[in-house]
Amino acid sequence: MALNIIRKATTFCNSILAKNVLSCRRYSVYEPDYLEMLKPEIPTYSMLNVQITGYTYPVLENYQSFIHKIAKIMDIDVDNGWALPPKVLKIQKYKPRSTVVSAEYNLNIYERNIQLADVTSAQCPLLIRILEDTLPQGITLNVTIFDPDMELKRYIPDKALLDMKSMLEDMSHKK
């Protein structure tokens, strides 16, 4: 009978020890628990692209510097920023009921891109709201997740280099 009580006591103690060990172990098998504590609670966007376009160069430049200041105040990293060459639009106004041009206008459309890094999902709506409310007339704002193809637009192809590459391809095909 004493032996039976000892067996029950040891199984009871073993089950309590096993439960305590399992309940104390909150981390996975391969990673320590402090790595889970280092993960941010708020998700972040790795890279955002703020694209502004407009017809007036000085207004666009001032608004770009304003975006940089707002990002600095909100503790957002400005990773990169660049300007694209202006697009020239030729607009013609015709006389009523004819094909005769009465006026001709050349409009320049300027574009600036700003890359913002590690923007939290809590900061992003606030940033967009501030940028929308302070948007000057004639300026359009577009905020997107960064696409590497968008950055390729800023590089102007070298005509001489492209001609040499085509010559090399022609020479290799002739052999």
N, C-alpha and C. Protein backbone atom coordinates (compact mmCIF):
# COMPACT_ATOMS: atom_id res chain seq x y z
N MET A 1 0.81 -1.18 0.00
CA MET A 1 0.00 0.00 0.00
C MET A 1 0.87 1.26 0.00
N ALA A 2 1.92 1.27 0.78
CA ALA A 2 2.84 2.40 0.80
C ALA A 2 3.52 2.56 -0.55
N LEU A 3 3.80 1.41 -1.16
CA LEU A 3 4.42 1.44 -2.48
C LEU A 3 3.47 2.05 -3.51
N ASN A 4 2.22 1.78 -3.43
CA ASN A 4 1.20 2.32 -4.32
C ASN A 4 1.08 3.84 -4.15
N ILE A 5 1.17 4.32 -2.92
CA ILE A 5 1.09 5.75 -2.65
C ILE A 5 2.33 6.46 -3.20
N ILE A 6 3.47 5.83 -3.07
CA ILE A 6 4.71 6.42 -3.61
C ILE A 6 4.64 6.52 -5.13
N ARG A 7 4.11 5.50 -5.79
CA ARG A 7 3.97 5.54 -7.25
C ARG A 7 3.05 6.68 -7.68
N LYS A 8 1.91 6.82 -7.00
CA LYS A 8 0.98 7.89 -7.33
C LYS A 8 1.62 9.26 -7.11
N ALA A 9 2.38 9.40 -6.05
CA ALA A 9 3.04 10.68 -5.75
C ALA A 9 4.09 11.00 -6.80
N THR A 10 4.87 10.01 -7.22
CA THR A 10 5.89 10.27 -8.23
C THR A 10 5.26 10.61 -9.58
N THR A 11 4.18 9.92 -9.96
CA THR A 11 3.52 10.26 -11.23
C THR A 11 2.90 11.64 -11.16
N PHE A 12 2.36 12.00 -10.00
CA PHE A 12 1.78 13.33 -9.83
C PHE A 12 2.87 14.40 -9.93
N CYS A 13 4.00 14.16 -9.26
CA CYS A 13 5.12 15.12 -9.32
C CYS A 13 5.68 15.23 -10.72
N ASN A 14 5.81 14.11 -11.41
CA ASN A 14 6.32 14.13 -12.78
C ASN A 14 5.38 14.90 -13.71
N SER A 15 4.07 14.74 -13.52
CA SER A 15 3.13 15.46 -14.38
C SER A 15 3.18 16.96 -14.10
N ILE A 16 3.34 17.35 -12.83
CA ILE A 16 3.46 18.77 -12.49
C ILE A 16 4.74 19.35 -13.09
N LEU A 17 5.83 18.64 -12.98
CA LEU A 17 7.09 19.11 -13.55
C LEU A 17 6.99 19.25 -15.07
N ALA A 18 6.36 18.29 -15.70
CA ALA A 18 6.23 18.34 -17.15
C ALA A 18 5.37 19.54 -17.58
N LYS A 19 4.29 19.79 -16.83
CA LYS A 19 3.43 20.94 -17.15
C LYS A 19 4.17 22.25 -16.95
N ASN A 20 4.94 22.36 -15.88
CA ASN A 20 5.68 23.60 -15.63
C ASN A 20 6.75 23.84 -16.68
N VAL A 21 7.42 22.78 -17.08
CA VAL A 21 8.44 22.93 -18.10
C VAL A 21 7.81 23.39 -19.41
N LEU A 22 6.68 22.80 -19.77
CA LEU A 22 6.02 23.17 -21.02
C LEU A 22 5.45 24.57 -20.97
N SER A 23 4.92 24.96 -19.80
CA SER A 23 4.33 26.30 -19.71
C SER A 23 5.40 27.38 -19.66
N CYS A 24 6.59 27.10 -19.17
CA CYS A 24 7.66 28.08 -19.09
C CYS A 24 8.32 28.29 -20.46
N ARG A 25 8.21 27.34 -21.30
CA ARG A 25 8.89 27.38 -22.59
C ARG A 25 7.97 28.02 -23.63
N ARG A 26 8.16 29.31 -23.88
CA ARG A 26 7.31 30.05 -24.80
C ARG A 26 7.96 30.28 -26.16
N TYR A 27 9.18 29.97 -26.31
CA TYR A 27 9.87 30.21 -27.57
C TYR A 27 9.88 28.95 -28.41
N SER A 28 10.19 29.12 -29.69
CA SER A 28 10.22 27.96 -30.57
C SER A 28 11.50 27.17 -30.36
N VAL A 29 11.61 26.06 -31.05
CA VAL A 29 12.75 25.18 -30.88
C VAL A 29 14.02 25.81 -31.43
N TYR A 30 13.90 26.56 -32.53
CA TYR A 30 15.09 27.04 -33.23
C TYR A 30 15.47 28.48 -32.90
N GLU A 31 14.55 29.28 -32.37
CA GLU A 31 14.86 30.68 -32.11
C GLU A 31 14.62 31.00 -30.64
N PRO A 32 15.51 31.81 -30.06
CA PRO A 32 15.29 32.22 -28.67
C PRO A 32 14.13 33.22 -28.58
N ASP A 33 13.58 33.34 -27.38
CA ASP A 33 12.38 34.16 -27.22
C ASP A 33 12.66 35.65 -27.35
N TYR A 34 13.90 36.12 -27.12
CA TYR A 34 14.17 37.56 -27.24
C TYR A 34 14.09 38.04 -28.68
N LEU A 35 14.22 37.16 -29.66
CA LEU A 35 14.06 37.58 -31.05
C LEU A 35 12.61 37.94 -31.36
N GLU A 36 11.68 37.27 -30.73
CA GLU A 36 10.27 37.61 -30.92
C GLU A 36 9.95 38.98 -30.34
N MET A 37 10.62 39.34 -29.25
CA MET A 37 10.37 40.65 -28.65
C MET A 37 10.94 41.78 -29.49
N LEU A 38 11.95 41.52 -30.32
CA LEU A 38 12.56 42.55 -31.14
C LEU A 38 11.75 42.88 -32.39
N LYS A 39 10.81 42.03 -32.77
CA LYS A 39 10.00 42.29 -33.95
C LYS A 39 9.09 43.49 -33.69
N PRO A 40 8.94 44.38 -34.69
CA PRO A 40 8.07 45.54 -34.47
C PRO A 40 6.60 45.12 -34.41
N GLU A 41 5.87 45.80 -33.56
CA GLU A 41 4.45 45.50 -33.43
C GLU A 41 3.65 46.07 -34.58
N ILE A 42 4.11 47.20 -35.11
CA ILE A 42 3.41 47.87 -36.21
C ILE A 42 4.10 47.51 -37.52
N PRO A 43 3.36 47.02 -38.51
CA PRO A 43 3.99 46.69 -39.79
C PRO A 43 4.51 47.95 -40.50
N THR A 44 5.55 47.76 -41.30
CA THR A 44 6.14 48.88 -42.02
C THR A 44 6.15 48.62 -43.52
N TYR A 45 6.11 49.71 -44.27
CA TYR A 45 6.32 49.64 -45.72
C TYR A 45 7.81 49.78 -45.94
N SER A 46 8.40 48.88 -46.70
CA SER A 46 9.85 48.94 -46.88
C SER A 46 10.25 50.18 -47.66
N MET A 47 9.53 50.51 -48.73
CA MET A 47 9.88 51.68 -49.52
C MET A 47 8.62 52.25 -50.17
N LEU A 48 8.39 53.54 -49.99
CA LEU A 48 7.28 54.24 -50.64
C LEU A 48 7.83 55.25 -51.62
N ASN A 49 7.13 55.46 -52.71
CA ASN A 49 7.53 56.43 -53.72
C ASN A 49 6.48 57.54 -53.76
N VAL A 50 6.89 58.77 -53.49
CA VAL A 50 6.02 59.94 -53.58
C VAL A 50 6.37 60.64 -54.89
N GLN A 51 5.40 60.70 -55.79
CA GLN A 51 5.63 61.30 -57.11
C GLN A 51 4.77 62.57 -57.19
N ILE A 52 5.43 63.70 -57.50
CA ILE A 52 4.70 64.95 -57.66
C ILE A 52 5.00 65.50 -59.05
N THR A 53 3.97 65.98 -59.72
CA THR A 53 4.11 66.56 -61.05
C THR A 53 3.38 67.89 -61.08
N GLY A 54 3.88 68.80 -61.90
CA GLY A 54 3.24 70.10 -62.02
C GLY A 54 3.81 70.90 -63.16
N TYR A 55 3.13 72.03 -63.45
CA TYR A 55 3.51 72.89 -64.56
C TYR A 55 4.48 73.98 -64.15
N THR A 56 4.54 74.32 -62.87
CA THR A 56 5.36 75.43 -62.40
C THR A 56 6.56 74.88 -61.63
N TYR A 57 7.74 75.16 -62.15
CA TYR A 57 8.97 74.61 -61.59
C TYR A 57 9.23 75.08 -60.16
N PRO A 58 9.18 76.39 -59.84
CA PRO A 58 9.49 76.81 -58.47
C PRO A 58 8.51 76.25 -57.43
N VAL A 59 7.24 76.16 -57.78
CA VAL A 59 6.26 75.62 -56.84
C VAL A 59 6.56 74.15 -56.56
N LEU A 60 6.90 73.41 -57.60
CA LEU A 60 7.22 71.99 -57.46
C LEU A 60 8.46 71.78 -56.59
N GLU A 61 9.48 72.61 -56.79
CA GLU A 61 10.70 72.51 -55.99
C GLU A 61 10.43 72.82 -54.52
N ASN A 62 9.63 73.86 -54.26
CA ASN A 62 9.30 74.21 -52.88
C ASN A 62 8.48 73.11 -52.21
N TYR A 63 7.58 72.50 -52.95
CA TYR A 63 6.77 71.43 -52.37
C TYR A 63 7.61 70.19 -52.09
N GLN A 64 8.60 69.93 -52.94
CA GLN A 64 9.51 68.81 -52.69
C GLN A 64 10.30 69.05 -51.40
N SER A 65 10.79 70.26 -51.20
CA SER A 65 11.52 70.55 -49.95
C SER A 65 10.58 70.47 -48.75
N PHE A 66 9.31 70.84 -48.93
CA PHE A 66 8.33 70.72 -47.86
C PHE A 66 8.12 69.25 -47.48
N ILE A 67 8.06 68.36 -48.48
CA ILE A 67 7.90 66.93 -48.21
C ILE A 67 9.09 66.41 -47.42
N HIS A 68 10.29 66.86 -47.77
CA HIS A 68 11.48 66.46 -47.02
C HIS A 68 11.39 66.92 -45.56
N LYS A 69 10.93 68.14 -45.34
CA LYS A 69 10.82 68.65 -43.97
C LYS A 69 9.78 67.88 -43.17
N ILE A 70 8.64 67.59 -43.78
CA ILE A 70 7.59 66.82 -43.10
C ILE A 70 8.11 65.43 -42.75
N ALA A 71 8.82 64.80 -43.67
CA ALA A 71 9.37 63.46 -43.41
C ALA A 71 10.38 63.51 -42.27
N LYS A 72 11.17 64.55 -42.21
CA LYS A 72 12.14 64.69 -41.13
C LYS A 72 11.44 64.89 -39.79
N ILE A 73 10.38 65.69 -39.77
CA ILE A 73 9.62 65.92 -38.54
C ILE A 73 8.96 64.63 -38.06
N MET A 74 8.45 63.82 -39.01
CA MET A 74 7.77 62.58 -38.65
C MET A 74 8.74 61.42 -38.43
N ASP A 75 10.04 61.70 -38.51
CA ASP A 75 11.09 60.70 -38.31
C ASP A 75 11.00 59.58 -39.35
N ILE A 76 10.81 59.98 -40.61
CA ILE A 76 10.77 59.06 -41.75
C ILE A 76 12.05 59.29 -42.56
N ASP A 77 12.71 58.22 -42.93
CA ASP A 77 13.95 58.33 -43.70
C ASP A 77 13.65 58.62 -45.16
N VAL A 78 14.26 59.68 -45.69
CA VAL A 78 14.19 59.96 -47.12
C VAL A 78 15.39 59.27 -47.74
N ASP A 79 15.11 58.19 -48.47
CA ASP A 79 16.18 57.36 -49.01
C ASP A 79 16.79 57.98 -50.25
N ASN A 80 15.96 58.51 -51.13
CA ASN A 80 16.45 59.01 -52.42
C ASN A 80 15.42 59.99 -52.96
N GLY A 81 15.87 60.85 -53.83
CA GLY A 81 14.98 61.77 -54.51
C GLY A 81 15.60 62.17 -55.83
N TRP A 82 14.80 62.30 -56.85
CA TRP A 82 15.34 62.67 -58.15
C TRP A 82 14.31 63.42 -58.97
N ALA A 83 14.85 64.16 -59.94
CA ALA A 83 14.01 64.91 -60.87
C ALA A 83 14.11 64.26 -62.24
N LEU A 84 13.03 64.31 -62.96
CA LEU A 84 13.02 63.83 -64.34
C LEU A 84 13.02 65.02 -65.29
N PRO A 85 13.55 64.86 -66.49
CA PRO A 85 13.49 65.96 -67.44
C PRO A 85 12.04 66.30 -67.76
N PRO A 86 11.74 67.58 -68.02
CA PRO A 86 10.35 67.95 -68.26
C PRO A 86 9.81 67.37 -69.56
N LYS A 87 8.54 67.03 -69.53
CA LYS A 87 7.85 66.61 -70.75
C LYS A 87 7.25 67.86 -71.37
N VAL A 88 7.41 68.01 -72.66
CA VAL A 88 6.90 69.19 -73.35
C VAL A 88 5.64 68.80 -74.12
N LEU A 89 4.56 69.51 -73.81
CA LEU A 89 3.29 69.29 -74.52
C LEU A 89 3.04 70.49 -75.44
N LYS A 90 2.71 70.20 -76.66
CA LYS A 90 2.39 71.25 -77.62
C LYS A 90 0.86 71.28 -77.78
N ILE A 91 0.27 72.40 -77.40
CA ILE A 91 -1.19 72.55 -77.45
C ILE A 91 -1.53 73.61 -78.48
N GLN A 92 -2.49 73.26 -79.34
CA GLN A 92 -2.93 74.18 -80.38
C GLN A 92 -4.41 74.50 -80.19
N LYS A 93 -4.73 75.80 -80.33
CA LYS A 93 -6.12 76.25 -80.24
C LYS A 93 -6.56 76.65 -81.64
N TYR A 94 -7.68 76.09 -82.08
CA TYR A 94 -8.18 76.35 -83.43
C TYR A 94 -9.26 77.42 -83.41
N LYS A 95 -9.37 78.12 -84.54
CA LYS A 95 -10.47 79.06 -84.71
C LYS A 95 -11.77 78.27 -84.84
N PRO A 96 -12.89 78.86 -84.43
CA PRO A 96 -14.15 78.11 -84.49
C PRO A 96 -14.50 77.64 -85.91
N ARG A 97 -14.87 76.39 -86.02
CA ARG A 97 -15.30 75.75 -87.26
C ARG A 97 -14.27 75.84 -88.38
N SER A 98 -13.01 75.68 -88.03
CA SER A 98 -11.97 75.68 -89.06
C SER A 98 -10.79 74.86 -88.58
N THR A 99 -9.81 74.70 -89.45
CA THR A 99 -8.58 73.99 -89.09
C THR A 99 -7.41 74.96 -88.97
N VAL A 100 -7.72 76.25 -88.92
CA VAL A 100 -6.69 77.27 -88.78
C VAL A 100 -6.33 77.43 -87.29
N VAL A 101 -5.03 77.39 -87.02
CA VAL A 101 -4.54 77.50 -85.64
C VAL A 101 -4.56 78.97 -85.24
N SER A 102 -5.28 79.27 -84.14
CA SER A 102 -5.32 80.65 -83.66
C SER A 102 -4.25 80.90 -82.59
N ALA A 103 -3.90 79.89 -81.81
CA ALA A 103 -2.87 80.05 -80.78
C ALA A 103 -2.17 78.71 -80.57
N GLU A 104 -0.90 78.80 -80.16
CA GLU A 104 -0.11 77.60 -79.92
C GLU A 104 0.64 77.78 -78.60
N TYR A 105 0.57 76.77 -77.76
CA TYR A 105 1.20 76.84 -76.44
C TYR A 105 2.11 75.63 -76.24
N ASN A 106 3.24 75.87 -75.58
CA ASN A 106 4.13 74.79 -75.16
C ASN A 106 4.12 74.73 -73.64
N LEU A 107 3.67 73.59 -73.11
CA LEU A 107 3.60 73.40 -71.67
C LEU A 107 4.67 72.40 -71.23
N ASN A 108 5.37 72.75 -70.18
CA ASN A 108 6.35 71.84 -69.59
C ASN A 108 5.73 71.19 -68.37
N ILE A 109 5.82 69.86 -68.28
CA ILE A 109 5.35 69.13 -67.11
C ILE A 109 6.59 68.61 -66.38
N TYR A 110 6.80 69.11 -65.17
CA TYR A 110 7.95 68.73 -64.36
C TYR A 110 7.54 67.62 -63.40
N GLU A 111 8.48 66.74 -63.10
CA GLU A 111 8.20 65.60 -62.22
C GLU A 111 9.33 65.41 -61.22
N ARG A 112 8.95 65.15 -59.98
CA ARG A 112 9.90 64.85 -58.91
C ARG A 112 9.46 63.57 -58.23
N ASN A 113 10.43 62.75 -57.82
CA ASN A 113 10.16 61.51 -57.10
C ASN A 113 10.96 61.52 -55.80
N ILE A 114 10.32 61.10 -54.72
CA ILE A 114 10.96 61.02 -53.42
C ILE A 114 10.71 59.62 -52.88
N GLN A 115 11.76 58.92 -52.47
CA GLN A 115 11.64 57.59 -51.88
C GLN A 115 11.71 57.70 -50.37
N LEU A 116 10.71 57.16 -49.71
CA LEU A 116 10.67 57.15 -48.25
C LEU A 116 10.85 55.72 -47.77
N ALA A 117 11.76 55.51 -46.83
CA ALA A 117 12.08 54.17 -46.36
C ALA A 117 11.50 53.93 -44.97
N ASP A 118 11.05 52.70 -44.74
CA ASP A 118 10.57 52.22 -43.44
C ASP A 118 9.49 53.12 -42.84
N VAL A 119 8.43 53.34 -43.59
CA VAL A 119 7.29 54.10 -43.11
C VAL A 119 6.34 53.12 -42.44
N THR A 120 5.98 53.39 -41.20
CA THR A 120 5.07 52.49 -40.50
C THR A 120 3.65 52.66 -41.03
N SER A 121 2.84 51.65 -40.82
CA SER A 121 1.46 51.71 -41.29
C SER A 121 0.64 52.72 -40.49
N ALA A 122 1.13 53.15 -39.34
CA ALA A 122 0.45 54.20 -38.59
C ALA A 122 0.83 55.58 -39.11
N GLN A 123 2.06 55.75 -39.60
CA GLN A 123 2.51 57.04 -40.12
C GLN A 123 2.00 57.31 -41.53
N CYS A 124 1.82 56.27 -42.32
CA CYS A 124 1.50 56.43 -43.74
C CYS A 124 0.19 57.20 -43.97
N PRO A 125 -0.94 56.85 -43.34
CA PRO A 125 -2.15 57.63 -43.59
C PRO A 125 -2.04 59.08 -43.13
N LEU A 126 -1.31 59.30 -42.03
CA LEU A 126 -1.12 60.66 -41.54
C LEU A 126 -0.27 61.47 -42.52
N LEU A 127 0.78 60.86 -43.04
CA LEU A 127 1.64 61.54 -44.01
C LEU A 127 0.85 61.88 -45.28
N ILE A 128 0.08 60.93 -45.78
CA ILE A 128 -0.68 61.18 -47.01
C ILE A 128 -1.71 62.29 -46.78
N ARG A 129 -2.35 62.28 -45.61
CA ARG A 129 -3.34 63.31 -45.29
C ARG A 129 -2.70 64.69 -45.24
N ILE A 130 -1.52 64.80 -44.63
CA ILE A 130 -0.81 66.08 -44.57
C ILE A 130 -0.44 66.55 -45.97
N LEU A 131 0.08 65.62 -46.79
CA LEU A 131 0.49 65.99 -48.14
C LEU A 131 -0.71 66.40 -49.00
N GLU A 132 -1.85 65.73 -48.83
CA GLU A 132 -3.05 66.11 -49.58
C GLU A 132 -3.56 67.48 -49.16
N ASP A 133 -3.55 67.77 -47.86
CA ASP A 133 -4.08 69.04 -47.37
C ASP A 133 -3.19 70.22 -47.74
N THR A 134 -1.91 70.00 -47.90
CA THR A 134 -0.98 71.09 -48.21
C THR A 134 -0.62 71.15 -49.69
N LEU A 135 -1.30 70.37 -50.50
CA LEU A 135 -0.98 70.29 -51.93
C LEU A 135 -1.30 71.61 -52.64
N PRO A 136 -0.30 72.23 -53.29
CA PRO A 136 -0.57 73.49 -54.00
C PRO A 136 -1.40 73.24 -55.27
N GLN A 137 -1.99 74.31 -55.78
CA GLN A 137 -2.77 74.19 -57.00
C GLN A 137 -1.86 73.87 -58.17
N GLY A 138 -2.32 73.01 -59.04
CA GLY A 138 -1.56 72.64 -60.23
C GLY A 138 -0.56 71.52 -60.01
N ILE A 139 -0.44 71.02 -58.79
CA ILE A 139 0.48 69.93 -58.47
C ILE A 139 -0.34 68.68 -58.22
N THR A 140 0.08 67.56 -58.83
CA THR A 140 -0.59 66.28 -58.58
C THR A 140 0.33 65.41 -57.74
N LEU A 141 -0.27 64.65 -56.85
CA LEU A 141 0.46 63.82 -55.91
C LEU A 141 0.07 62.37 -56.13
N ASN A 142 1.06 61.49 -56.15
CA ASN A 142 0.83 60.06 -56.30
C ASN A 142 1.76 59.33 -55.34
N VAL A 143 1.19 58.58 -54.39
CA VAL A 143 1.98 57.82 -53.42
C VAL A 143 1.77 56.34 -53.71
N THR A 144 2.86 55.62 -54.01
CA THR A 144 2.78 54.20 -54.34
C THR A 144 3.91 53.45 -53.63
N ILE A 145 3.76 52.15 -53.59
CA ILE A 145 4.86 51.30 -53.13
C ILE A 145 5.92 51.32 -54.22
N PHE A 146 7.16 51.41 -53.83
CA PHE A 146 8.25 51.61 -54.78
C PHE A 146 8.36 50.44 -55.76
N ASP A 147 8.49 50.79 -57.02
CA ASP A 147 8.68 49.83 -58.10
C ASP A 147 10.04 50.12 -58.75
N PRO A 148 10.95 49.15 -58.84
CA PRO A 148 12.27 49.40 -59.42
C PRO A 148 12.21 49.88 -60.88
N ASP A 149 11.16 49.49 -61.62
CA ASP A 149 11.04 49.96 -63.00
C ASP A 149 10.83 51.47 -63.07
N MET A 150 10.25 52.04 -62.03
CA MET A 150 10.02 53.47 -62.00
C MET A 150 11.34 54.24 -61.94
N GLU A 151 12.31 53.66 -61.25
CA GLU A 151 13.61 54.32 -61.14
C GLU A 151 14.36 54.29 -62.48
N LEU A 152 14.09 53.30 -63.31
CA LEU A 152 14.78 53.21 -64.60
C LEU A 152 14.40 54.35 -65.54
N LYS A 153 13.26 55.01 -65.29
CA LYS A 153 12.85 56.14 -66.13
C LYS A 153 13.82 57.30 -66.03
N ARG A 154 14.54 57.39 -64.92
CA ARG A 154 15.40 58.55 -64.72
C ARG A 154 16.71 58.48 -65.49
N TYR A 155 17.07 57.33 -65.97
CA TYR A 155 18.31 57.18 -66.71
C TYR A 155 18.07 57.41 -68.19
N ILE A 156 18.85 58.30 -68.77
CA ILE A 156 18.73 58.61 -70.19
C ILE A 156 19.67 57.68 -70.95
N PRO A 157 19.14 56.94 -71.95
CA PRO A 157 20.01 56.01 -72.68
C PRO A 157 21.05 56.76 -73.52
N ASP A 158 22.24 56.19 -73.60
CA ASP A 158 23.33 56.78 -74.36
C ASP A 158 23.23 56.28 -75.80
N LYS A 159 23.00 57.19 -76.73
CA LYS A 159 22.80 56.83 -78.14
C LYS A 159 24.05 56.17 -78.73
N ALA A 160 25.23 56.70 -78.42
CA ALA A 160 26.47 56.14 -78.95
C ALA A 160 26.69 54.72 -78.43
N LEU A 161 26.39 54.50 -77.15
CA LEU A 161 26.56 53.18 -76.56
C LEU A 161 25.59 52.18 -77.19
N LEU A 162 24.36 52.59 -77.41
CA LEU A 162 23.38 51.70 -78.04
C LEU A 162 23.79 51.37 -79.49
N ASP A 163 24.34 52.35 -80.21
CA ASP A 163 24.81 52.09 -81.58
C ASP A 163 25.97 51.09 -81.58
N MET A 164 26.89 51.23 -80.63
CA MET A 164 28.02 50.30 -80.56
C MET A 164 27.55 48.89 -80.23
N LYS A 165 26.57 48.76 -79.33
CA LYS A 165 26.03 47.44 -79.00
C LYS A 165 25.38 46.80 -80.22
N SER A 166 24.64 47.58 -80.99
CA SER A 166 24.01 47.02 -82.19
C SER A 166 25.07 46.62 -83.23
N MET A 167 26.16 47.39 -83.32
CA MET A 167 27.24 47.03 -84.24
C MET A 167 27.89 45.71 -83.80
N LEU A 168 28.10 45.54 -82.50
CA LEU A 168 28.69 44.30 -82.00
C LEU A 168 27.78 43.10 -82.28
N GLU A 169 26.48 43.29 -82.11
CA GLU A 169 25.55 42.22 -82.40
C GLU A 169 25.55 41.86 -83.88
N ASP A 170 25.62 42.87 -84.74
CA ASP A 170 25.70 42.63 -86.18
C ASP A 170 26.98 41.88 -86.55
N MET A 171 28.09 42.23 -85.91
CA MET A 171 29.35 41.55 -86.20
C MET A 171 29.32 40.11 -85.74
N SER A 172 28.69 39.86 -84.61
CA SER A 172 28.63 38.48 -84.11
C SER A 172 27.70 37.63 -84.97
N HIS A 173 26.66 38.22 -85.52
CA HIS A 173 25.75 37.47 -86.40
C HIS A 173 26.37 37.17 -87.76
N LYS A 174 27.28 38.03 -88.23
CA LYS A 174 27.91 37.82 -89.54
C LYS A 174 28.91 36.68 -89.51
N LYS A 175 29.49 36.39 -88.36
CA LYS A 175 30.49 35.32 -88.29
C LYS A 175 29.86 34.02 -88.38
